[in-house]
N, C-alpha and C. Protein backbone atom coordinates (compact mmCIF):
# COMPACT_ATOMS: atom_id res chain seq x y z
N MET A 1 30.91 22.50 34.33
CA MET A 1 31.76 22.84 33.21
C MET A 1 31.47 21.95 32.00
N ASN A 2 31.12 20.70 32.23
CA ASN A 2 30.84 19.80 31.14
C ASN A 2 29.40 19.92 30.66
N GLU A 3 28.62 20.79 31.23
CA GLU A 3 27.21 20.91 30.86
C GLU A 3 27.05 21.51 29.47
N ASN A 4 27.99 22.32 29.02
CA ASN A 4 27.88 22.98 27.73
C ASN A 4 28.44 22.14 26.58
N ILE A 5 28.99 20.99 26.87
CA ILE A 5 29.57 20.14 25.82
C ILE A 5 28.51 19.21 25.28
N ILE A 6 28.39 19.22 23.98
CA ILE A 6 27.43 18.32 23.33
C ILE A 6 28.13 16.99 23.09
N PRO A 7 27.57 15.91 23.57
CA PRO A 7 28.22 14.61 23.35
C PRO A 7 28.14 14.21 21.87
N PHE A 8 29.24 13.69 21.36
CA PHE A 8 29.28 13.24 19.96
C PHE A 8 28.69 11.85 19.87
N ARG A 9 27.69 11.71 19.02
CA ARG A 9 27.09 10.41 18.79
C ARG A 9 27.31 10.04 17.34
N LYS A 10 27.89 8.89 17.15
CA LYS A 10 28.16 8.43 15.79
C LYS A 10 26.82 8.07 15.14
N GLN A 11 26.60 8.61 13.94
CA GLN A 11 25.35 8.33 13.24
C GLN A 11 25.38 6.91 12.71
N LYS A 12 24.21 6.28 12.78
CA LYS A 12 24.10 4.94 12.23
C LYS A 12 24.11 5.05 10.71
N PRO A 13 24.78 4.12 10.03
CA PRO A 13 24.77 4.18 8.56
C PRO A 13 23.37 3.95 8.04
N PRO A 14 23.00 4.62 6.95
CA PRO A 14 21.64 4.43 6.42
C PRO A 14 21.43 2.99 5.98
N ARG A 15 20.24 2.48 6.28
CA ARG A 15 19.94 1.09 5.94
C ARG A 15 19.78 0.96 4.45
N LYS A 16 20.32 -0.10 3.91
CA LYS A 16 20.15 -0.37 2.50
C LYS A 16 18.74 -0.90 2.30
N PRO A 17 18.11 -0.57 1.16
CA PRO A 17 16.76 -1.09 0.93
C PRO A 17 16.78 -2.60 0.81
N ARG A 18 15.73 -3.20 1.29
CA ARG A 18 15.66 -4.66 1.23
C ARG A 18 15.62 -5.11 -0.21
N PRO A 19 16.27 -6.23 -0.50
CA PRO A 19 16.31 -6.68 -1.90
C PRO A 19 15.03 -7.38 -2.37
N THR A 20 14.00 -7.38 -1.53
CA THR A 20 12.79 -8.12 -1.91
C THR A 20 12.15 -7.51 -3.15
N LYS A 21 12.07 -6.19 -3.23
CA LYS A 21 11.46 -5.57 -4.39
C LYS A 21 12.29 -5.85 -5.65
N LEU A 22 13.60 -5.82 -5.49
CA LEU A 22 14.48 -6.12 -6.62
C LEU A 22 14.32 -7.57 -7.05
N LEU A 23 14.23 -8.48 -6.09
CA LEU A 23 14.07 -9.89 -6.43
C LEU A 23 12.73 -10.15 -7.12
N VAL A 24 11.67 -9.50 -6.67
CA VAL A 24 10.36 -9.67 -7.30
C VAL A 24 10.42 -9.15 -8.73
N ALA A 25 11.03 -8.00 -8.95
CA ALA A 25 11.13 -7.44 -10.29
C ALA A 25 11.94 -8.36 -11.20
N LEU A 26 13.05 -8.88 -10.69
CA LEU A 26 13.86 -9.79 -11.48
C LEU A 26 13.12 -11.09 -11.80
N ALA A 27 12.33 -11.57 -10.85
CA ALA A 27 11.56 -12.80 -11.08
C ALA A 27 10.52 -12.58 -12.16
N ILE A 28 9.85 -11.43 -12.15
CA ILE A 28 8.84 -11.14 -13.17
C ILE A 28 9.50 -11.02 -14.54
N ILE A 29 10.62 -10.33 -14.61
CA ILE A 29 11.34 -10.18 -15.89
C ILE A 29 11.80 -11.55 -16.39
N ALA A 30 12.33 -12.37 -15.49
CA ALA A 30 12.79 -13.72 -15.87
C ALA A 30 11.62 -14.57 -16.37
N PHE A 31 10.46 -14.43 -15.76
CA PHE A 31 9.28 -15.19 -16.20
C PHE A 31 8.91 -14.81 -17.63
N PHE A 32 8.88 -13.51 -17.94
CA PHE A 32 8.51 -13.09 -19.28
C PHE A 32 9.56 -13.50 -20.31
N ILE A 33 10.82 -13.45 -19.94
CA ILE A 33 11.87 -13.91 -20.85
C ILE A 33 11.74 -15.40 -21.11
N ALA A 34 11.45 -16.17 -20.07
CA ALA A 34 11.29 -17.62 -20.23
C ALA A 34 10.07 -17.92 -21.10
N ALA A 35 8.98 -17.21 -20.90
CA ALA A 35 7.79 -17.44 -21.72
C ALA A 35 8.06 -17.08 -23.19
N TRP A 36 8.74 -15.97 -23.41
CA TRP A 36 9.08 -15.58 -24.79
C TRP A 36 9.97 -16.63 -25.43
N ALA A 37 10.99 -17.09 -24.70
CA ALA A 37 11.91 -18.10 -25.25
C ALA A 37 11.18 -19.40 -25.57
N TYR A 38 10.25 -19.78 -24.72
CA TYR A 38 9.50 -21.02 -24.94
C TYR A 38 8.69 -20.92 -26.23
N PHE A 39 7.93 -19.85 -26.39
CA PHE A 39 7.10 -19.71 -27.59
C PHE A 39 7.96 -19.46 -28.82
N TYR A 40 9.11 -18.85 -28.67
CA TYR A 40 9.99 -18.62 -29.80
C TYR A 40 10.60 -19.94 -30.28
N LEU A 41 11.00 -20.79 -29.34
CA LEU A 41 11.64 -22.05 -29.72
C LEU A 41 10.62 -23.12 -30.09
N VAL A 42 9.53 -23.21 -29.37
CA VAL A 42 8.54 -24.27 -29.60
C VAL A 42 7.59 -23.87 -30.72
N GLY A 43 7.24 -22.64 -30.79
CA GLY A 43 6.31 -22.17 -31.81
C GLY A 43 5.02 -21.71 -31.19
N GLN A 44 4.23 -21.04 -31.99
CA GLN A 44 2.97 -20.52 -31.48
C GLN A 44 1.99 -21.66 -31.26
N PRO A 45 1.19 -21.60 -30.20
CA PRO A 45 0.19 -22.67 -29.98
C PRO A 45 -0.89 -22.58 -31.07
N HIS A 46 -1.29 -23.72 -31.57
CA HIS A 46 -2.31 -23.76 -32.61
C HIS A 46 -3.69 -23.69 -31.99
N PRO A 47 -4.59 -22.94 -32.60
CA PRO A 47 -5.95 -22.87 -32.04
C PRO A 47 -6.65 -24.22 -32.21
N ALA A 48 -7.50 -24.55 -31.27
CA ALA A 48 -8.21 -25.82 -31.32
C ALA A 48 -9.23 -25.80 -32.46
N GLN A 49 -9.29 -26.89 -33.18
CA GLN A 49 -10.23 -26.95 -34.30
C GLN A 49 -11.28 -28.02 -34.06
C-alpha cells in the first residue's frame, strides 16, 4: 500500500555564490581608486631629465 507514495524530500537551499569573485573585483576597484587618489593628491610624476 505504501509503494505508491512518493516520499517528500526537502530541497536543499541553493548555495550562495562564493564571495571570492566579489572580493577580487572590490580589491581591483579599490586599487585603482587608491592610485587615482595618490596621483591626484601628490601630483603627476615628472619625466626624468
